[in-house]
Amino acid sequence: MDPSKLVEFMGDSLTPDLLSLILAELDSEEEGHEEEGWKFELLEGLGECRRFGTARMMLGEEEVGVVRRVMEGMERRVKGARGKWEV
């Protein structure tokens, strides 16, 4: 996913309600064998959107927890890859 395309697509439409709905959907996605890097890329792209700061301020702790879990998952992946590469 190209974050700049998400920024173009969203324009000024990223409202707190929309961001909340997106995070709820991410939370409902089952974790498993499929690639999950797209979740991180989506969050990265959303963070670049106009009005993100305002929408972010309105999130509840549960919604922030979704973001935290995605970030922690990516950190584990990076740590695992670093270990294999010994870097």
N, C-alpha and C. Protein backbone atom coordinates (compact mmCIF):
# COMPACT_ATOMS: atom_id res chain seq x y z
N MET A 1 0.85 -1.18 0.00
CA MET A 1 0.00 0.00 0.00
C MET A 1 0.89 1.24 0.00
N ASP A 2 0.58 2.14 -0.85
CA ASP A 2 1.30 3.40 -0.94
C ASP A 2 0.56 4.42 -0.08
N PRO A 3 1.15 4.84 1.07
CA PRO A 3 0.45 5.80 1.94
C PRO A 3 0.01 7.07 1.25
N SER A 4 0.77 7.52 0.25
CA SER A 4 0.38 8.76 -0.42
C SER A 4 -0.95 8.59 -1.17
N LYS A 5 -1.22 7.40 -1.65
CA LYS A 5 -2.50 7.14 -2.33
C LYS A 5 -3.65 7.21 -1.34
N LEU A 6 -3.43 6.75 -0.12
CA LEU A 6 -4.46 6.84 0.91
C LEU A 6 -4.73 8.29 1.27
N VAL A 7 -3.69 9.09 1.34
CA VAL A 7 -3.85 10.51 1.64
C VAL A 7 -4.69 11.18 0.56
N GLU A 8 -4.39 10.87 -0.70
CA GLU A 8 -5.18 11.43 -1.81
C GLU A 8 -6.63 10.96 -1.73
N PHE A 9 -6.81 9.69 -1.46
CA PHE A 9 -8.15 9.11 -1.41
C PHE A 9 -8.99 9.72 -0.29
N MET A 10 -8.39 9.87 0.88
CA MET A 10 -9.13 10.36 2.05
C MET A 10 -9.41 11.86 1.96
N GLY A 11 -8.49 12.60 1.40
CA GLY A 11 -8.67 14.05 1.35
C GLY A 11 -8.92 14.59 2.75
N ASP A 12 -10.00 15.34 2.92
CA ASP A 12 -10.36 15.88 4.24
C ASP A 12 -11.43 15.05 4.93
N SER A 13 -11.61 13.81 4.49
CA SER A 13 -12.71 12.99 4.97
C SER A 13 -12.42 12.18 6.23
N LEU A 14 -11.20 12.22 6.75
CA LEU A 14 -10.88 11.43 7.93
C LEU A 14 -11.46 12.09 9.18
N THR A 15 -12.62 11.62 9.56
CA THR A 15 -13.29 12.12 10.76
C THR A 15 -13.00 11.18 11.92
N PRO A 16 -13.21 11.63 13.15
CA PRO A 16 -13.03 10.73 14.29
C PRO A 16 -13.89 9.47 14.17
N ASP A 17 -15.12 9.61 13.70
CA ASP A 17 -16.00 8.45 13.55
C ASP A 17 -15.47 7.46 12.52
N LEU A 18 -14.98 7.97 11.40
CA LEU A 18 -14.44 7.09 10.37
C LEU A 18 -13.19 6.38 10.87
N LEU A 19 -12.30 7.10 11.54
CA LEU A 19 -11.10 6.48 12.08
C LEU A 19 -11.46 5.40 13.09
N SER A 20 -12.44 5.66 13.92
CA SER A 20 -12.91 4.68 14.89
C SER A 20 -13.44 3.42 14.21
N LEU A 21 -14.21 3.60 13.14
CA LEU A 21 -14.74 2.46 12.39
C LEU A 21 -13.63 1.64 11.74
N ILE A 22 -12.64 2.31 11.20
CA ILE A 22 -11.51 1.61 10.59
C ILE A 22 -10.78 0.78 11.63
N LEU A 23 -10.55 1.35 12.80
CA LEU A 23 -9.85 0.62 13.86
C LEU A 23 -10.68 -0.54 14.38
N ALA A 24 -11.99 -0.37 14.46
CA ALA A 24 -12.86 -1.47 14.88
C ALA A 24 -12.77 -2.63 13.89
N GLU A 25 -12.70 -2.30 12.62
CA GLU A 25 -12.58 -3.35 11.60
C GLU A 25 -11.23 -4.05 11.71
N LEU A 26 -10.17 -3.29 11.93
CA LEU A 26 -8.85 -3.90 12.12
C LEU A 26 -8.87 -4.84 13.31
N ASP A 27 -9.55 -4.44 14.36
CA ASP A 27 -9.61 -5.25 15.57
C ASP A 27 -10.38 -6.54 15.34
N SER A 28 -11.36 -6.50 14.44
CA SER A 28 -12.18 -7.68 14.19
C SER A 28 -11.52 -8.66 13.22
N GLU A 29 -10.49 -8.21 12.52
CA GLU A 29 -9.77 -9.08 11.59
C GLU A 29 -9.08 -10.18 12.37
N GLU A 30 -9.26 -11.42 11.93
CA GLU A 30 -8.62 -12.53 12.60
C GLU A 30 -7.14 -12.55 12.28
N GLU A 31 -6.35 -12.78 13.32
CA GLU A 31 -4.92 -12.95 13.10
C GLU A 31 -4.69 -14.39 12.71
N GLY A 32 -3.70 -14.61 11.92
CA GLY A 32 -3.45 -15.98 11.50
C GLY A 32 -2.28 -16.07 10.57
N HIS A 33 -2.43 -16.92 9.61
CA HIS A 33 -1.32 -17.24 8.73
C HIS A 33 -1.10 -16.21 7.65
N GLU A 34 -2.09 -15.38 7.41
CA GLU A 34 -1.95 -14.42 6.32
C GLU A 34 -1.06 -13.25 6.73
N GLU A 35 -0.52 -12.62 5.75
CA GLU A 35 0.33 -11.44 5.95
C GLU A 35 -0.44 -10.34 6.66
N GLU A 36 0.16 -9.78 7.69
CA GLU A 36 -0.53 -8.72 8.43
C GLU A 36 0.17 -7.37 8.33
N GLY A 37 1.21 -7.29 7.50
CA GLY A 37 1.91 -6.03 7.33
C GLY A 37 1.01 -4.93 6.79
N TRP A 38 -0.06 -5.33 6.10
CA TRP A 38 -0.97 -4.34 5.54
C TRP A 38 -1.62 -3.50 6.63
N LYS A 39 -1.80 -4.07 7.82
CA LYS A 39 -2.40 -3.31 8.92
C LYS A 39 -1.48 -2.16 9.32
N PHE A 40 -0.20 -2.46 9.42
CA PHE A 40 0.77 -1.42 9.75
C PHE A 40 0.80 -0.37 8.67
N GLU A 41 0.81 -0.81 7.42
CA GLU A 41 0.84 0.14 6.30
C GLU A 41 -0.40 1.03 6.29
N LEU A 42 -1.54 0.45 6.62
CA LEU A 42 -2.77 1.24 6.70
C LEU A 42 -2.66 2.29 7.79
N LEU A 43 -2.18 1.89 8.97
CA LEU A 43 -2.02 2.85 10.07
C LEU A 43 -1.02 3.93 9.71
N GLU A 44 0.05 3.52 9.05
CA GLU A 44 1.06 4.49 8.61
C GLU A 44 0.44 5.51 7.66
N GLY A 45 -0.35 5.03 6.71
CA GLY A 45 -1.00 5.92 5.75
C GLY A 45 -2.02 6.84 6.40
N LEU A 46 -2.80 6.28 7.33
CA LEU A 46 -3.79 7.10 8.03
C LEU A 46 -3.12 8.23 8.81
N GLY A 47 -1.95 7.93 9.36
CA GLY A 47 -1.21 8.95 10.11
C GLY A 47 -0.74 10.11 9.28
N GLU A 48 -0.71 9.92 7.97
CA GLU A 48 -0.30 10.99 7.05
C GLU A 48 -1.48 11.81 6.54
N CYS A 49 -2.69 11.36 6.79
CA CYS A 49 -3.88 12.03 6.27
C CYS A 49 -4.13 13.36 6.96
N ARG A 50 -4.71 14.27 6.18
CA ARG A 50 -5.14 15.54 6.77
C ARG A 50 -6.20 15.24 7.82
N ARG A 51 -6.23 16.04 8.83
CA ARG A 51 -7.20 15.92 9.93
C ARG A 51 -6.91 14.74 10.85
N PHE A 52 -5.77 14.02 10.62
CA PHE A 52 -5.46 12.88 11.47
C PHE A 52 -5.31 13.29 12.93
N GLY A 53 -4.60 14.36 13.18
CA GLY A 53 -4.37 14.80 14.56
C GLY A 53 -5.66 15.03 15.32
N THR A 54 -6.60 15.66 14.68
CA THR A 54 -7.90 15.90 15.31
C THR A 54 -8.65 14.59 15.54
N ALA A 55 -8.66 13.73 14.53
CA ALA A 55 -9.34 12.44 14.67
C ALA A 55 -8.69 11.60 15.75
N ARG A 56 -7.36 11.62 15.82
CA ARG A 56 -6.61 10.84 16.82
C ARG A 56 -6.96 11.28 18.23
N MET A 57 -7.13 12.56 18.44
CA MET A 57 -7.44 13.08 19.78
C MET A 57 -8.75 12.54 20.32
N MET A 58 -9.65 12.15 19.44
CA MET A 58 -10.98 11.71 19.86
C MET A 58 -11.07 10.21 20.12
N LEU A 59 -9.99 9.47 19.89
CA LEU A 59 -10.02 8.02 20.08
C LEU A 59 -10.07 7.65 21.55
N GLY A 60 -10.77 6.57 21.83
CA GLY A 60 -10.81 6.03 23.18
C GLY A 60 -9.66 5.07 23.41
N GLU A 61 -9.50 4.64 24.64
CA GLU A 61 -8.40 3.75 25.00
C GLU A 61 -8.47 2.41 24.26
N GLU A 62 -9.67 1.90 24.04
CA GLU A 62 -9.82 0.64 23.32
C GLU A 62 -9.30 0.76 21.89
N GLU A 63 -9.61 1.87 21.25
CA GLU A 63 -9.16 2.09 19.88
C GLU A 63 -7.65 2.28 19.81
N VAL A 64 -7.11 2.97 20.78
CA VAL A 64 -5.66 3.14 20.84
C VAL A 64 -5.00 1.77 21.07
N GLY A 65 -5.66 0.91 21.82
CA GLY A 65 -5.15 -0.43 22.07
C GLY A 65 -5.02 -1.25 20.79
N VAL A 66 -5.93 -1.05 19.86
CA VAL A 66 -5.85 -1.74 18.57
C VAL A 66 -4.56 -1.33 17.87
N VAL A 67 -4.31 -0.04 17.85
CA VAL A 67 -3.09 0.47 17.20
C VAL A 67 -1.87 -0.09 17.92
N ARG A 68 -1.89 -0.09 19.22
CA ARG A 68 -0.77 -0.60 20.02
C ARG A 68 -0.49 -2.07 19.66
N ARG A 69 -1.52 -2.89 19.55
CA ARG A 69 -1.32 -4.30 19.23
C ARG A 69 -0.72 -4.50 17.83
N VAL A 70 -1.18 -3.70 16.87
CA VAL A 70 -0.61 -3.79 15.52
C VAL A 70 0.87 -3.40 15.56
N MET A 71 1.18 -2.32 16.24
CA MET A 71 2.57 -1.86 16.33
C MET A 71 3.46 -2.90 17.03
N GLU A 72 2.95 -3.47 18.11
CA GLU A 72 3.72 -4.48 18.84
C GLU A 72 3.95 -5.72 17.98
N GLY A 73 2.95 -6.09 17.17
CA GLY A 73 3.12 -7.21 16.25
C GLY A 73 4.23 -6.94 15.24
N MET A 74 4.27 -5.73 14.72
CA MET A 74 5.32 -5.38 13.76
C MET A 74 6.68 -5.36 14.44
N GLU A 75 6.73 -4.87 15.68
CA GLU A 75 8.00 -4.86 16.41
C GLU A 75 8.51 -6.28 16.63
N ARG A 76 7.61 -7.23 16.92
CA ARG A 76 8.02 -8.64 17.09
C ARG A 76 8.56 -9.20 15.78
N ARG A 77 7.90 -8.86 14.67
CA ARG A 77 8.38 -9.33 13.37
C ARG A 77 9.78 -8.80 13.08
N VAL A 78 9.98 -7.51 13.33
CA VAL A 78 11.29 -6.91 13.08
C VAL A 78 12.34 -7.55 13.99
N LYS A 79 12.00 -7.75 15.24
CA LYS A 79 12.94 -8.36 16.19
C LYS A 79 13.29 -9.78 15.75
N GLY A 80 12.29 -10.54 15.30
CA GLY A 80 12.56 -11.89 14.81
C GLY A 80 13.47 -11.90 13.60
N ALA A 81 13.22 -10.99 12.66
CA ALA A 81 14.06 -10.91 11.47
C ALA A 81 15.48 -10.46 11.83
N ARG A 82 15.58 -9.51 12.75
CA ARG A 82 16.92 -9.07 13.18
C ARG A 82 17.70 -10.23 13.77
N GLY A 83 16.99 -11.02 14.59
CA GLY A 83 17.66 -12.17 15.22
C GLY A 83 18.19 -13.16 14.18
N LYS A 84 17.39 -13.41 13.17
CA LYS A 84 17.84 -14.34 12.12
C LYS A 84 19.02 -13.80 11.35
N TRP A 85 19.03 -12.50 11.14
CA TRP A 85 20.11 -11.86 10.41
C TRP A 85 21.28 -11.48 11.31
N GLU A 86 21.06 -11.59 12.61
CA GLU A 86 22.07 -11.22 13.61
C GLU A 86 22.53 -9.78 13.44
N VAL A 87 21.55 -8.88 13.27
CA VAL A 87 21.87 -7.45 13.15
C VAL A 87 21.14 -6.67 14.21
